[in-house]
């Protein structure tokens, strides 16, 4: 049987220091952030069991897709 997953996203517009995080079952979060805030956000998501499964980027924009087992 395949493992069921749930997914989340993190978006960073680095030239504007804008972060956005979308997770299932929680309100979308957005705020200001540069490298330190991005690392703290990703580390916090890792502590919740999320892991990066894809990353896309163009220009000043990075977008991560994260997954964790659905419980």
PDB file of N, CA and C in Angstrom:
ATOM      1  N   UNK A   1       0.832  -1.182   0.000  1.00  0.00           N
ATOM      2  CA  UNK A   1       0.000   0.000   0.000  1.00  0.00           C
ATOM      3  C   UNK A   1       0.878   1.248   0.000  1.00  0.00           C
ATOM      4  N   UNK A   2       0.544   2.194  -0.840  1.00  0.00           N
ATOM      5  CA  UNK A   2       1.309   3.436  -0.906  1.00  0.00           C
ATOM      6  C   UNK A   2       1.042   4.302   0.316  1.00  0.00           C
ATOM      7  N   UNK A   3       2.071   5.017   0.724  1.00  0.00           N
ATOM      8  CA  UNK A   3       1.956   5.941   1.855  1.00  0.00           C
ATOM      9  C   UNK A   3       1.148   7.164   1.432  1.00  0.00           C
ATOM     10  N   UNK A   4       0.073   7.505   2.162  1.00  0.00           N
ATOM     11  CA  UNK A   4      -0.646   8.746   1.853  1.00  0.00           C
ATOM     12  C   UNK A   4       0.125   9.944   2.415  1.00  0.00           C
ATOM     13  N   UNK A   5       0.201  10.998   1.653  1.00  0.00           N
ATOM     14  CA  UNK A   5       0.944  12.198   2.028  1.00  0.00           C
ATOM     15  C   UNK A   5       0.016  13.401   2.116  1.00  0.00           C
ATOM     16  N   UNK A   6       0.435  14.378   2.881  1.00  0.00           N
ATOM     17  CA  UNK A   6      -0.159  15.703   2.804  1.00  0.00           C
ATOM     18  C   UNK A   6       0.959  16.657   2.410  1.00  0.00           C
ATOM     19  N   UNK A   7       0.593  17.774   1.792  1.00  0.00           N
ATOM     20  CA  UNK A   7       1.573  18.687   1.216  1.00  0.00           C
ATOM     21  C   UNK A   7       1.397  20.100   1.740  1.00  0.00           C
ATOM     22  N   UNK A   8       2.509  20.824   1.746  1.00  0.00           N
ATOM     23  CA  UNK A   8       2.533  22.229   2.143  1.00  0.00           C
ATOM     24  C   UNK A   8       3.432  22.969   1.156  1.00  0.00           C
ATOM     25  N   UNK A   9       3.344  24.295   1.164  1.00  0.00           N
ATOM     26  CA  UNK A   9       4.213  25.099   0.304  1.00  0.00           C
ATOM     27  C   UNK A   9       4.828  26.250   1.098  1.00  0.00           C
ATOM     28  N   UNK A  10       6.026  26.623   0.674  1.00  0.00           N
ATOM     29  CA  UNK A  10       6.708  27.821   1.182  1.00  0.00           C
ATOM     30  C   UNK A  10       7.145  28.621  -0.031  1.00  0.00           C
ATOM     31  N   UNK A  11       6.846  29.902  -0.021  1.00  0.00           N
ATOM     32  CA  UNK A  11       7.231  30.806  -1.105  1.00  0.00           C
ATOM     33  C   UNK A  11       8.084  31.921  -0.518  1.00  0.00           C
ATOM     34  N   UNK A  12       9.161  32.269  -1.200  1.00  0.00           N
ATOM     35  CA  UNK A  12      10.049  33.338  -0.755  1.00  0.00           C
ATOM     36  C   UNK A  12      10.352  34.245  -1.937  1.00  0.00           C
ATOM     37  N   UNK A  13       9.987  35.504  -1.831  1.00  0.00           N
ATOM     38  CA  UNK A  13      10.393  36.515  -2.810  1.00  0.00           C
ATOM     39  C   UNK A  13      11.533  37.269  -2.133  1.00  0.00           C
ATOM     40  N   UNK A  14      12.745  36.840  -2.437  1.00  0.00           N
ATOM     41  CA  UNK A  14      13.884  37.307  -1.645  1.00  0.00           C
ATOM     42  C   UNK A  14      14.191  38.781  -1.832  1.00  0.00           C
ATOM     43  N   UNK A  15      13.948  39.346  -2.983  1.00  0.00           N
ATOM     44  CA  UNK A  15      14.255  40.767  -3.189  1.00  0.00           C
ATOM     45  C   UNK A  15      13.315  41.677  -2.400  1.00  0.00           C
ATOM     46  N   UNK A  16      12.146  41.144  -2.008  1.00  0.00           N
ATOM     47  CA  UNK A  16      11.179  41.901  -1.211  1.00  0.00           C
ATOM     48  C   UNK A  16      11.097  41.389   0.224  1.00  0.00           C
ATOM     49  N   UNK A  17      11.904  40.379   0.539  1.00  0.00           N
ATOM     50  CA  UNK A  17      11.905  39.740   1.871  1.00  0.00           C
ATOM     51  C   UNK A  17      10.502  39.308   2.287  1.00  0.00           C
ATOM     52  N   UNK A  18       9.776  38.679   1.364  1.00  0.00           N
ATOM     53  CA  UNK A  18       8.421  38.215   1.650  1.00  0.00           C
ATOM     54  C   UNK A  18       8.400  36.693   1.709  1.00  0.00           C
ATOM     55  N   UNK A  19       7.799  36.182   2.783  1.00  0.00           N
ATOM     56  CA  UNK A  19       7.631  34.746   2.965  1.00  0.00           C
ATOM     57  C   UNK A  19       6.144  34.420   3.029  1.00  0.00           C
ATOM     58  N   UNK A  20       5.791  33.236   2.537  1.00  0.00           N
ATOM     59  CA  UNK A  20       4.410  32.754   2.647  1.00  0.00           C
ATOM     60  C   UNK A  20       4.461  31.244   2.835  1.00  0.00           C
ATOM     61  N   UNK A  21       3.664  30.752   3.770  1.00  0.00           N
ATOM     62  CA  UNK A  21       3.596  29.319   4.047  1.00  0.00           C
ATOM     63  C   UNK A  21       2.135  28.891   4.057  1.00  0.00           C
ATOM     64  N   UNK A  22       1.853  27.831   3.331  1.00  0.00           N
ATOM     65  CA  UNK A  22       0.501  27.291   3.261  1.00  0.00           C
ATOM     66  C   UNK A  22       0.555  25.818   3.646  1.00  0.00           C
ATOM     67  N   UNK A  23      -0.219  25.458   4.692  1.00  0.00           N
ATOM     68  CA  UNK A  23      -0.286  24.077   5.174  1.00  0.00           C
ATOM     69  C   UNK A  23      -1.752  23.677   5.291  1.00  0.00           C
ATOM     70  N   UNK A  24      -2.043  22.402   5.122  1.00  0.00           N
ATOM     71  CA  UNK A  24      -3.433  21.968   5.259  1.00  0.00           C
ATOM     72  C   UNK A  24      -3.929  22.146   6.695  1.00  0.00           C
ATOM     73  N   UNK A  25      -5.157  22.599   6.824  1.00  0.00           N
ATOM     74  CA  UNK A  25      -5.783  22.701   8.124  1.00  0.00           C
ATOM     75  C   UNK A  25      -5.359  23.876   8.982  1.00  0.00           C
ATOM     76  N   UNK A  26      -4.535  24.783   8.437  1.00  0.00           N
ATOM     77  CA  UNK A  26      -4.104  25.957   9.186  1.00  0.00           C
ATOM     78  C   UNK A  26      -4.235  27.187   8.288  1.00  0.00           C
ATOM     79  N   UNK A  27      -4.435  28.354   8.876  1.00  0.00           N
ATOM     80  CA  UNK A  27      -4.495  29.565   8.052  1.00  0.00           C
ATOM     81  C   UNK A  27      -3.150  29.808   7.348  1.00  0.00           C
ATOM     82  N   UNK A  28      -3.233  30.344   6.140  1.00  0.00           N
ATOM     83  CA  UNK A  28      -2.010  30.701   5.423  1.00  0.00           C
ATOM     84  C   UNK A  28      -1.260  31.760   6.218  1.00  0.00           C
ATOM     85  N   UNK A  29       0.056  31.612   6.308  1.00  0.00           N
ATOM     86  CA  UNK A  29       0.893  32.556   7.035  1.00  0.00           C
ATOM     87  C   UNK A  29       1.744  33.330   6.039  1.00  0.00           C
ATOM     88  N   UNK A  30       1.871  34.616   6.249  1.00  0.00           N
ATOM     89  CA  UNK A  30       2.746  35.438   5.429  1.00  0.00           C
ATOM     90  C   UNK A  30       3.436  36.462   6.299  1.00  0.00           C
ATOM     91  N   UNK A  31       4.661  36.793   5.938  1.00  0.00           N
ATOM     92  CA  UNK A  31       5.399  37.780   6.711  1.00  0.00           C
ATOM     93  C   UNK A  31       6.670  38.182   6.018  1.00  0.00           C
ATOM     94  N   UNK A  32       7.408  39.034   6.690  1.00  0.00           N
ATOM     95  CA  UNK A  32       8.686  39.498   6.179  1.00  0.00           C
ATOM     96  C   UNK A  32       9.769  38.520   6.593  1.00  0.00           C
ATOM     97  N   UNK A  33      10.762  38.348   5.749  1.00  0.00           N
ATOM     98  CA  UNK A  33      11.843  37.453   6.128  1.00  0.00           C
ATOM     99  C   UNK A  33      12.934  37.379   5.097  1.00  0.00           C
ATOM    100  N   UNK A  34      14.143  37.240   5.600  1.00  0.00           N
ATOM    101  CA  UNK A  34      15.309  37.026   4.767  1.00  0.00           C
ATOM    102  C   UNK A  34      15.862  35.638   5.092  1.00  0.00           C
ATOM    103  N   UNK A  35      17.158  35.431   4.952  1.00  0.00           N
ATOM    104  CA  UNK A  35      17.748  34.110   5.125  1.00  0.00           C
ATOM    105  C   UNK A  35      17.482  33.519   6.508  1.00  0.00           C
ATOM    106  N   UNK A  36      17.670  34.288   7.566  1.00  0.00           N
ATOM    107  CA  UNK A  36      17.490  33.775   8.926  1.00  0.00           C
ATOM    108  C   UNK A  36      16.047  33.331   9.146  1.00  0.00           C
ATOM    109  N   UNK A  37      15.095  34.157   8.755  1.00  0.00           N
ATOM    110  CA  UNK A  37      13.687  33.813   8.938  1.00  0.00           C
ATOM    111  C   UNK A  37      13.286  32.601   8.091  1.00  0.00           C
ATOM    112  N   UNK A  38      13.833  32.514   6.874  1.00  0.00           N
ATOM    113  CA  UNK A  38      13.551  31.370   6.017  1.00  0.00           C
ATOM    114  C   UNK A  38      14.077  30.082   6.650  1.00  0.00           C
ATOM    115  N   UNK A  39      15.295  30.118   7.146  1.00  0.00           N
ATOM    116  CA  UNK A  39      15.878  28.935   7.792  1.00  0.00           C
ATOM    117  C   UNK A  39      15.066  28.558   9.027  1.00  0.00           C
ATOM    118  N   UNK A  40      14.654  29.539   9.810  1.00  0.00           N
ATOM    119  CA  UNK A  40      13.837  29.245  10.992  1.00  0.00           C
ATOM    120  C   UNK A  40      12.489  28.639  10.601  1.00  0.00           C
ATOM    121  N   UNK A  41      11.872  29.152   9.548  1.00  0.00           N
ATOM    122  CA  UNK A  41      10.596  28.616   9.074  1.00  0.00           C
ATOM    123  C   UNK A  41      10.759  27.166   8.616  1.00  0.00           C
ATOM    124  N   UNK A  42      11.754  26.899   7.776  1.00  0.00           N
ATOM    125  CA  UNK A  42      11.967  25.541   7.280  1.00  0.00           C
ATOM    126  C   UNK A  42      12.341  24.591   8.419  1.00  0.00           C
ATOM    127  N   UNK A  43      13.122  25.062   9.382  1.00  0.00           N
ATOM    128  CA  UNK A  43      13.491  24.225  10.528  1.00  0.00           C
ATOM    129  C   UNK A  43      12.266  23.889  11.368  1.00  0.00           C
ATOM    130  N   UNK A  44      11.393  24.872  11.575  1.00  0.00           N
ATOM    131  CA  UNK A  44      10.167  24.622  12.321  1.00  0.00           C
ATOM    132  C   UNK A  44       9.278  23.609  11.618  1.00  0.00           C
ATOM    133  N   UNK A  45       9.175  23.724  10.309  1.00  0.00           N
ATOM    134  CA  UNK A  45       8.392  22.757   9.545  1.00  0.00           C
ATOM    135  C   UNK A  45       9.018  21.364   9.638  1.00  0.00           C
ATOM    136  N   UNK A  46      10.331  21.299   9.625  1.00  0.00           N
ATOM    137  CA  UNK A  46      11.016  20.018   9.781  1.00  0.00           C
ATOM    138  C   UNK A  46      10.706  19.373  11.129  1.00  0.00           C
ATOM    139  N   UNK A  47      10.652  20.176  12.183  1.00  0.00           N
ATOM    140  CA  UNK A  47      10.300  19.649  13.507  1.00  0.00           C
ATOM    141  C   UNK A  47       8.867  19.105  13.535  1.00  0.00           C
ATOM    142  N   UNK A  48       8.007  19.618  12.654  1.00  0.00           N
ATOM    143  CA  UNK A  48       6.627  19.128  12.546  1.00  0.00           C
ATOM    144  C   UNK A  48       6.521  17.910  11.628  1.00  0.00           C
ATOM    145  N   UNK A  49       7.638  17.444  11.093  1.00  0.00           N
ATOM    146  CA  UNK A  49       7.642  16.267  10.241  1.00  0.00           C
ATOM    147  C   UNK A  49       7.617  16.533   8.751  1.00  0.00           C
ATOM    148  N   UNK A  50       7.643  17.813   8.345  1.00  0.00           N
ATOM    149  CA  UNK A  50       7.639  18.152   6.923  1.00  0.00           C
ATOM    150  C   UNK A  50       9.041  17.999   6.352  1.00  0.00           C
ATOM    151  N   UNK A  51       9.125  17.563   5.097  1.00  0.00           N
ATOM    152  CA  UNK A  51      10.407  17.527   4.386  1.00  0.00           C
ATOM    153  C   UNK A  51      10.206  18.074   2.980  1.00  0.00           C
ATOM    154  N   UNK A  52      11.222  18.761   2.490  1.00  0.00           N
ATOM    155  CA  UNK A  52      11.158  19.337   1.145  1.00  0.00           C
ATOM    156  C   UNK A  52      11.194  18.201   0.132  1.00  0.00           C
ATOM    157  N   UNK A  53      10.273  18.235  -0.818  1.00  0.00           N
ATOM    158  CA  UNK A  53      10.267  17.227  -1.881  1.00  0.00           C
ATOM    159  C   UNK A  53      10.458  17.856  -3.257  1.00  0.00           C
ATOM    160  N   UNK A  54      10.384  19.196  -3.344  1.00  0.00           N
ATOM    161  CA  UNK A  54      10.630  19.872  -4.621  1.00  0.00           C
ATOM    162  C   UNK A  54      10.903  21.351  -4.357  1.00  0.00           C
ATOM    163  N   UNK A  55      11.679  21.956  -5.251  1.00  0.00           N
ATOM    164  CA  UNK A  55      11.939  23.391  -5.180  1.00  0.00           C
ATOM    165  C   UNK A  55      11.996  23.939  -6.600  1.00  0.00           C
ATOM    166  N   UNK A  56      11.387  25.093  -6.800  1.00  0.00           N
ATOM    167  CA  UNK A  56      11.417  25.783  -8.090  1.00  0.00           C
ATOM    168  C   UNK A  56      11.874  27.201  -7.847  1.00  0.00           C
ATOM    169  N   UNK A  57      12.463  27.786  -8.844  1.00  0.00           N
ATOM    170  CA  UNK A  57      12.892  29.160  -8.702  1.00  0.00           C
ATOM    171  C   UNK A  57      13.012  29.853 -10.043  1.00  0.00           C
ATOM    172  N   UNK A  58      12.837  31.162  -9.995  1.00  0.00           N
ATOM    173  CA  UNK A  58      13.014  32.006 -11.172  1.00  0.00           C
ATOM    174  C   UNK A  58      13.229  33.425 -10.673  1.00  0.00           C
ATOM    175  N   UNK A  59      14.215  34.084 -11.221  1.00  0.00           N
ATOM    176  CA  UNK A  59      14.460  35.472 -10.837  1.00  0.00           C
ATOM    177  C   UNK A  59      14.657  35.630  -9.344  1.00  0.00           C
ATOM    178  N   UNK A  60      13.750  36.340  -8.706  1.00  0.00           N
ATOM    179  CA  UNK A  60      13.846  36.626  -7.273  1.00  0.00           C
ATOM    180  C   UNK A  60      12.880  35.768  -6.450  1.00  0.00           C
ATOM    181  N   UNK A  61      12.437  34.652  -6.992  1.00  0.00           N
ATOM    182  CA  UNK A  61      11.370  33.856  -6.398  1.00  0.00           C
ATOM    183  C   UNK A  61      11.813  32.411  -6.218  1.00  0.00           C
ATOM    184  N   UNK A  62      11.553  31.864  -5.016  1.00  0.00           N
ATOM    185  CA  UNK A  62      11.783  30.447  -4.747  1.00  0.00           C
ATOM    186  C   UNK A  62      10.505  29.857  -4.163  1.00  0.00           C
ATOM    187  N   UNK A  63      10.214  28.622  -4.539  1.00  0.00           N
ATOM    188  CA  UNK A  63       8.981  27.969  -4.117  1.00  0.00           C
ATOM    189  C   UNK A  63       9.291  26.517  -3.772  1.00  0.00           C
ATOM    190  N   UNK A  64       9.002  26.129  -2.530  1.00  0.00           N
ATOM    191  CA  UNK A  64       9.232  24.778  -2.069  1.00  0.00           C
ATOM    192  C   UNK A  64       7.910  24.057  -1.873  1.00  0.00           C
ATOM    193  N   UNK A  65       7.892  22.787  -2.227  1.00  0.00           N
ATOM    194  CA  UNK A  65       6.797  21.893  -1.878  1.00  0.00           C
ATOM    195  C   UNK A  65       7.348  20.945  -0.831  1.00  0.00           C
ATOM    196  N   UNK A  66       6.588  20.775   0.257  1.00  0.00           N
ATOM    197  CA  UNK A  66       6.989  19.896   1.343  1.00  0.00           C
ATOM    198  C   UNK A  66       5.929  18.816   1.507  1.00  0.00           C
ATOM    199  N   UNK A  67       6.324  17.689   2.084  1.00  0.00           N
ATOM    200  CA  UNK A  67       5.371  16.615   2.335  1.00  0.00           C
ATOM    201  C   UNK A  67       5.657  15.987   3.685  1.00  0.00           C
ATOM    202  N   UNK A  68       4.626  15.318   4.209  1.00  0.00           N
ATOM    203  CA  UNK A  68       4.785  14.493   5.407  1.00  0.00           C
ATOM    204  C   UNK A  68       3.707  13.420   5.361  1.00  0.00           C
ATOM    205  N   UNK A  69       3.960  12.312   6.045  1.00  0.00           N
ATOM    206  CA  UNK A  69       2.954  11.253   6.037  1.00  0.00           C
ATOM    207  C   UNK A  69       1.651  11.748   6.641  1.00  0.00           C
ATOM    208  N   UNK A  70       0.572  11.371   6.004  1.00  0.00           N
ATOM    209  CA  UNK A  70      -0.763  11.712   6.507  1.00  0.00           C
ATOM    210  C   UNK A  70      -1.094  10.779   7.654  1.00  0.00           C
ATOM    211  N   UNK A  71      -1.443  11.360   8.786  1.00  0.00           N
ATOM    212  CA  UNK A  71      -1.746  10.517   9.958  1.00  0.00           C
ATOM    213  C   UNK A  71      -3.209  10.546  10.275  1.00  0.00           C
TER     214      UNK A  71
END
